Protein backbone atom coordinates (compact mmCIF):
# COMPACT_ATOMS: atom_id res chain seq x y z
CA UNK A 1 1.61 37.39 10.12
CA UNK A 2 5.50 37.21 8.89
CA UNK A 3 6.86 34.59 6.43
CA UNK A 4 7.85 33.03 9.15
CA UNK A 5 5.18 32.42 10.51
CA UNK A 6 3.24 31.35 7.41
CA UNK A 7 5.99 28.56 7.14
CA UNK A 8 4.98 27.39 10.44
CA UNK A 9 1.15 27.53 10.26
CA UNK A 10 1.34 25.68 6.74
CA UNK A 11 2.97 22.72 8.74
CA UNK A 12 -0.22 21.43 10.39
CA UNK A 13 -2.10 18.79 9.10
CA UNK A 14 -5.66 20.74 10.27
CA UNK A 15 -5.97 24.12 10.94
CA UNK A 16 -9.00 26.57 11.20
CA UNK A 17 -9.80 30.20 10.39
CA UNK A 18 -12.57 32.01 11.44
CA UNK A 19 -14.43 35.33 10.57
CA UNK A 20 -11.88 35.91 7.19
CA UNK A 21 -12.67 38.54 4.84
CA UNK A 22 -12.29 37.85 0.84
CA UNK A 23 -8.90 39.30 1.29
CA UNK A 24 -7.22 37.03 3.69
CA UNK A 25 -9.06 33.88 2.16
CA UNK A 26 -7.54 34.81 -1.15
CA UNK A 27 -4.05 35.09 0.97
CA UNK A 28 -4.34 32.10 2.61
CA UNK A 29 -4.76 30.28 -0.83
CA UNK A 30 -1.90 32.00 -2.14
CA UNK A 31 0.57 31.04 0.99
CA UNK A 32 0.07 27.66 0.45
CA UNK A 33 0.37 27.41 -3.21
CA UNK A 34 3.41 29.23 -2.66
CA UNK A 35 4.63 26.41 -0.29
CA UNK A 36 4.15 23.62 -3.35
CA UNK A 37 0.40 22.98 -1.90
CA UNK A 38 -2.41 21.62 -3.92
CA UNK A 39 -5.52 23.82 -2.91
CA UNK A 40 -9.09 22.93 -2.70
CA UNK A 41 -11.27 25.93 -2.04
CA UNK A 42 -15.13 25.47 -1.25
CA UNK A 43 -17.76 27.82 -1.35
CA UNK A 44 -21.13 29.57 -2.40
CA UNK A 45 -20.73 33.36 -1.89
CA UNK A 46 -20.02 36.39 -3.92
CA UNK A 47 -17.00 36.98 -1.38
CA UNK A 48 -15.46 33.34 -2.34
CA UNK A 49 -15.29 34.16 -5.92
CA UNK A 50 -11.78 35.54 -5.61
CA UNK A 51 -10.11 32.51 -4.00
CA UNK A 52 -12.28 30.00 -5.53
CA UNK A 53 -10.53 31.35 -8.71
CA UNK A 54 -7.14 31.32 -7.60
CA UNK A 55 -7.15 28.06 -6.01
CA UNK A 56 -6.17 24.95 -8.14
CA UNK A 57 -9.51 23.66 -7.62
CA UNK A 58 -12.34 25.80 -6.31
CA UNK A 59 -15.66 23.79 -5.96
CA UNK A 60 -19.02 25.99 -5.74
CA UNK A 61 -22.21 24.68 -4.20
CA UNK A 62 -25.32 24.39 -6.80
CA UNK A 63 -27.51 26.31 -4.40
CA UNK A 64 -24.58 29.48 -4.43
CA UNK A 65 -24.28 32.43 -6.43
CA UNK A 66 -23.93 32.94 -9.68
CA UNK A 67 -20.68 34.31 -9.77
CA UNK A 68 -19.19 31.90 -7.42
CA UNK A 69 -20.66 28.85 -9.78
CA UNK A 70 -19.00 30.90 -12.95
CA UNK A 71 -15.44 31.11 -10.41
CA UNK A 72 -15.09 27.66 -9.84
CA UNK A 73 -14.15 24.48 -11.75
CA UNK A 74 -16.50 22.05 -10.42
CA UNK A 75 -20.04 22.60 -9.22
CA UNK A 76 -21.90 20.41 -6.56
CA UNK A 77 -25.27 19.43 -6.77
CA UNK A 78 -25.98 17.52 -3.90
CA UNK A 79 -23.70 17.56 -0.60
CA UNK A 80 -19.97 18.08 0.33
CA UNK A 81 -19.61 13.95 0.54
CA UNK A 82 -19.20 13.92 -3.22
CA UNK A 83 -15.76 15.82 -2.67
CA UNK A 84 -14.46 12.77 -1.27
CA UNK A 85 -15.96 10.31 -4.13
CA UNK A 86 -14.28 12.68 -6.77
CA UNK A 87 -10.62 12.33 -5.24
CA UNK A 88 -10.85 8.64 -4.79
CA UNK A 89 -12.14 8.30 -8.42
CA UNK A 90 -9.41 10.87 -9.31
CA UNK A 91 -6.78 9.16 -7.55
CA UNK A 92 -7.96 5.89 -9.02
CA UNK A 93 -7.84 6.82 -12.54
CA UNK A 94 -3.76 8.57 -11.76
CA UNK A 95 -3.15 5.27 -10.02
CA UNK A 96 -4.70 2.63 -12.76
CA UNK A 97 -2.70 4.99 -15.57
CA UNK A 98 0.53 4.32 -13.41
CA UNK A 99 0.14 0.70 -13.92
CA UNK A 100 -0.74 0.54 -17.59
CA UNK A 101 2.55 2.22 -17.88
CA UNK A 102 4.39 0.05 -15.71
CA UNK A 103 2.58 -3.33 -17.11
CA UNK A 104 3.40 -2.21 -20.83
CA UNK A 105 6.64 -1.28 -21.33
CA UNK A 106 8.86 -4.27 -19.88
CA UNK A 107 7.73 -6.15 -22.89
CA UNK A 108 5.71 -4.00 -25.27
CA UNK A 109 9.29 -1.86 -25.95
CA UNK A 110 12.36 -3.06 -24.04
CA UNK A 111 12.04 -6.49 -24.35
CA UNK A 112 11.46 -6.14 -28.14
CA UNK A 113 14.27 -3.23 -28.46
CA UNK A 114 16.75 -5.61 -27.17
CA UNK A 115 16.82 -8.30 -30.16
CA UNK A 116 17.11 -5.59 -32.65
CA UNK A 117 19.92 -3.98 -30.60
CA UNK A 118 22.20 -7.39 -30.19
CA UNK A 119 21.20 -7.94 -34.08
CA UNK A 120 22.71 -4.62 -34.82
CA UNK A 121 25.81 -3.98 -32.93
CA UNK A 122 26.80 -8.07 -32.12
CA UNK A 123 25.52 -9.57 -35.14
CA UNK A 124 23.21 -12.00 -33.20
CA UNK A 125 20.01 -13.30 -34.85
CA UNK A 126 16.84 -11.46 -34.33
CA UNK A 127 15.52 -13.40 -31.75
CA UNK A 128 12.04 -11.82 -31.99
CA UNK A 129 11.17 -11.44 -35.41
CA UNK A 130 9.12 -8.10 -36.42
CA UNK A 131 5.89 -10.28 -36.67
CA UNK A 132 5.87 -11.04 -33.05
CA UNK A 133 6.62 -7.91 -31.87
CA UNK A 134 3.40 -6.71 -33.44
CA UNK A 135 1.44 -9.55 -31.93
CA UNK A 136 2.84 -8.24 -28.40
CA UNK A 137 1.53 -4.72 -28.84
CA UNK A 138 -1.67 -5.16 -30.51
CA UNK A 139 -2.58 -8.45 -29.09
CA UNK A 140 -1.50 -10.31 -26.10
CA UNK A 141 -0.27 -7.16 -24.12
CA UNK A 142 -3.08 -4.60 -25.38
CA UNK A 143 -5.96 -7.05 -23.87
CA UNK A 144 -4.23 -7.83 -20.38
CA UNK A 145 -3.54 -3.87 -20.10
CA UNK A 146 -7.48 -2.76 -20.83
CA UNK A 147 -8.27 -4.95 -17.48
CA UNK A 148 -6.22 -2.86 -15.02
CA UNK A 149 -8.43 0.09 -15.96
CA UNK A 150 -11.08 -1.47 -13.78
CA UNK A 151 -9.00 -2.42 -10.93
CA UNK A 152 -10.39 -1.27 -7.59
CA UNK A 153 -9.18 1.32 -5.31
CA UNK A 154 -6.33 -0.07 -2.99
CA UNK A 155 -6.87 0.17 0.71
CA UNK A 156 -4.74 3.26 1.23
CA UNK A 157 -5.73 5.19 -1.63
CA UNK A 158 -7.30 7.97 0.64
CA UNK A 159 -5.08 7.92 3.43
CA UNK A 160 -1.87 9.01 1.28
CA UNK A 161 -1.12 12.39 1.39
CA UNK A 162 -1.84 14.31 -1.78
CA UNK A 163 0.69 14.22 -4.57
CA UNK A 164 2.92 17.17 -5.63
CA UNK A 165 1.44 18.61 -8.58
CA UNK A 166 4.90 20.01 -9.59
CA UNK A 167 7.13 17.04 -9.25
CA UNK A 168 4.78 13.99 -8.77
CA UNK A 169 4.19 13.39 -12.79
CA UNK A 170 2.53 10.37 -14.55
CA UNK A 171 5.60 8.90 -15.76
CA UNK A 172 8.72 10.07 -13.50
CA UNK A 173 12.30 8.70 -13.69
CA UNK A 174 11.31 5.93 -10.91
CA UNK A 175 8.61 4.40 -12.94
CA UNK A 176 10.66 4.53 -15.96
CA UNK A 177 13.61 2.77 -13.69
CA UNK A 178 11.15 0.01 -12.14
CA UNK A 179 9.70 -0.88 -15.38
CA UNK A 180 12.82 -1.26 -17.67
CA UNK A 181 15.76 -1.66 -15.10
CA UNK A 182 13.90 -3.83 -12.83
CA UNK A 183 10.93 -5.81 -14.56
CA UNK A 184 11.83 -5.66 -18.11
CA UNK A 185 15.40 -6.45 -17.84
CA UNK A 186 14.48 -9.94 -15.76
CA UNK A 187 11.80 -10.18 -18.52
CA UNK A 188 14.30 -9.99 -21.86
CA UNK A 189 17.35 -11.79 -19.97
CA UNK A 190 15.47 -14.75 -19.11
CA UNK A 191 13.97 -14.75 -22.39
CA UNK A 192 16.63 -14.56 -24.42
CA UNK A 193 18.73 -16.81 -22.18
CA UNK A 194 15.98 -19.67 -22.96
CA UNK A 195 15.84 -19.01 -26.32
CA UNK A 196 19.65 -18.90 -27.30
CA UNK A 197 19.64 -21.99 -25.32
CA UNK A 198 17.26 -24.08 -27.34
CA UNK A 199 19.34 -22.77 -30.64
CA UNK A 200 22.69 -24.10 -28.53
CA UNK A 201 20.72 -27.42 -27.90
CA UNK A 202 19.91 -27.59 -31.54
CA UNK A 203 23.43 -27.99 -32.51
CA UNK A 204 24.42 -24.53 -33.14
CA UNK A 205 26.57 -22.96 -30.43
CA UNK A 206 26.73 -19.43 -29.05
CA UNK A 207 30.31 -18.72 -29.80
CA UNK A 208 28.97 -19.14 -34.25
CA UNK A 209 26.48 -16.96 -33.98
CA UNK A 210 28.32 -14.42 -31.76
CA UNK A 211 29.56 -11.51 -34.23
CA UNK A 212 28.52 -13.62 -37.10
CA UNK A 213 26.09 -11.02 -38.87
CA UNK A 214 24.39 -13.99 -41.12
CA UNK A 215 27.59 -15.91 -42.30
CA UNK A 216 28.12 -18.76 -40.29
CA UNK A 217 30.26 -21.56 -41.22
CA UNK A 218 29.74 -23.99 -44.30
CA UNK A 219 29.45 -27.65 -41.88
CA UNK A 220 26.10 -26.03 -40.68
CA UNK A 221 22.98 -26.53 -42.93
CA UNK A 222 20.89 -23.69 -43.63
CA UNK A 223 17.59 -25.10 -43.08
CA UNK A 224 18.61 -26.47 -39.69
CA UNK A 225 19.98 -22.87 -38.78
CA UNK A 226 17.24 -21.27 -39.94
CA UNK A 227 14.78 -24.24 -38.07
CA UNK A 228 16.79 -23.15 -34.66
CA UNK A 229 16.57 -19.73 -34.80
CA UNK A 230 12.27 -19.71 -35.65
CA UNK A 231 11.97 -22.46 -32.55
CA UNK A 232 14.20 -19.99 -30.47
CA UNK A 233 12.19 -16.67 -31.74
CA UNK A 234 8.92 -19.21 -30.76
CA UNK A 235 10.43 -19.82 -27.17
CA UNK A 236 11.21 -16.06 -26.55
CA UNK A 237 7.74 -15.02 -27.66
CA UNK A 238 5.75 -17.43 -25.50
CA UNK A 239 7.89 -16.69 -22.31
CA UNK A 240 7.59 -12.91 -22.66
CA UNK A 241 3.79 -13.77 -22.68
CA UNK A 242 4.07 -16.07 -19.87
CA UNK A 243 6.30 -14.04 -17.56
CA UNK A 244 3.94 -10.88 -18.35
CA UNK A 245 1.20 -12.88 -16.54
CA UNK A 246 3.22 -12.34 -13.32
CA UNK A 247 3.87 -8.68 -13.97
CA UNK A 248 0.28 -8.78 -14.62
CA UNK A 249 -0.63 -9.50 -11.10
CA UNK A 250 2.33 -7.32 -9.59
CA UNK A 251 1.41 -4.33 -11.14
CA UNK A 252 -2.23 -4.50 -10.00
CA UNK A 253 -0.69 -3.72 -6.71
CA UNK A 254 1.80 -1.12 -6.45
CA UNK A 255 1.46 -0.87 -2.71
CA UNK A 256 -0.16 -3.68 -1.25
CA UNK A 257 0.39 -7.89 -1.53
CA UNK A 258 -1.69 -9.78 -3.59
CA UNK A 259 -2.71 -11.34 -0.28
CA UNK A 260 -4.27 -8.16 1.17
CA UNK A 261 -5.64 -7.23 -2.63
CA UNK A 262 -7.01 -10.34 -3.71
CA UNK A 263 -8.02 -10.39 -7.40
CA UNK A 264 -11.00 -13.01 -6.66
CA UNK A 265 -13.17 -13.77 -3.81
CA UNK A 266 -13.35 -10.10 -2.30
CA UNK A 267 -15.58 -8.32 -4.13
CA UNK A 268 -14.50 -5.05 -3.32
CA UNK A 269 -10.20 -6.13 -4.68
CA UNK A 270 -11.79 -8.43 -7.22
CA UNK A 271 -11.29 -7.81 -10.82
CA UNK A 272 -12.62 -10.82 -12.85
CA UNK A 273 -11.67 -9.31 -16.35
CA UNK A 274 -7.53 -10.73 -15.63
CA UNK A 275 -8.08 -14.10 -16.11
CA UNK A 276 -10.16 -14.01 -19.39
CA UNK A 277 -7.39 -11.53 -20.68
CA UNK A 278 -4.53 -14.15 -19.59
CA UNK A 279 -6.39 -16.93 -21.24
CA UNK A 280 -6.55 -15.03 -24.17
CA UNK A 281 -2.69 -13.80 -24.13
CA UNK A 282 -2.44 -17.56 -23.38
CA UNK A 283 -4.17 -18.73 -26.30
CA UNK A 284 -2.79 -16.11 -29.08
CA UNK A 285 1.35 -17.32 -27.52
CA UNK A 286 0.34 -20.97 -28.10
CA UNK A 287 -1.24 -20.60 -31.30
CA UNK A 288 0.14 -22.56 -33.70
CA UNK A 289 -0.77 -20.67 -36.96
CA UNK A 290 1.04 -17.70 -35.57
CA UNK A 291 4.17 -19.11 -34.55
CA UNK A 292 4.00 -20.69 -38.04
CA UNK A 293 3.25 -17.72 -39.92
CA UNK A 294 6.17 -16.57 -37.88
CA UNK A 295 8.34 -18.97 -39.17
CA UNK A 296 7.48 -17.58 -42.86
CA UNK A 297 7.94 -14.06 -42.30
CA UNK A 298 11.23 -14.92 -41.03
């Protein structure tokens, strides 16, 4: 067959080759690989060894020849149905890693970066203290992120087409845009608005702290200013923690709605670790000892 015939043939979803030689099996594998297909090859004989070695994943039967087992990447000890289970768990791990990344980036980096940038370039007080940044990274976000590891497969997991291993990376521009510019911007903007609104209500207008770089008019008592900033920092922190609960619930089902993939009631989709993690994060966020320590650190 020429190149045009191979191009037409590789568009089929299902196709059968019969009475193939070892050379033809190897040609089939390489032709599909040349068209950005991820190729899995199963075999048990000596004549399957070249194509098992060339495939992206070679799968040999445990009862097959030693040459085939040596050339393969994976050996099946029981039946071919184990391939379906392996594909499901492989996709599930990849999915859950993406969910964990999307959950951690908005609060763990984006919403912690902007208070520092606004402090450096615009003279605003650092509305989130360094101490609270550590609490977010090591306690509130960490506990909830670990629960995403226990997420069950989404209903359409095995009906999706195979991903292109050359272009579909774990963290791609679409994921970064979703985490930073959509979720992260909403969390950061709303938390900052709540914090500076609290400072304004304490009697310190935003125009006073804008481009102030720590130099405030003499009529403002330093103790009152520090107390207002401490309260604003606590509000930013608590608001961020609570908004991460919604991020957690939205992120755990990247393709389906929470009604299709409920975290409770239905055993096939349930993840009961979510709620203890949320309770832990809320307890940390509302802990007066942590908030008081934050004021001392500032």
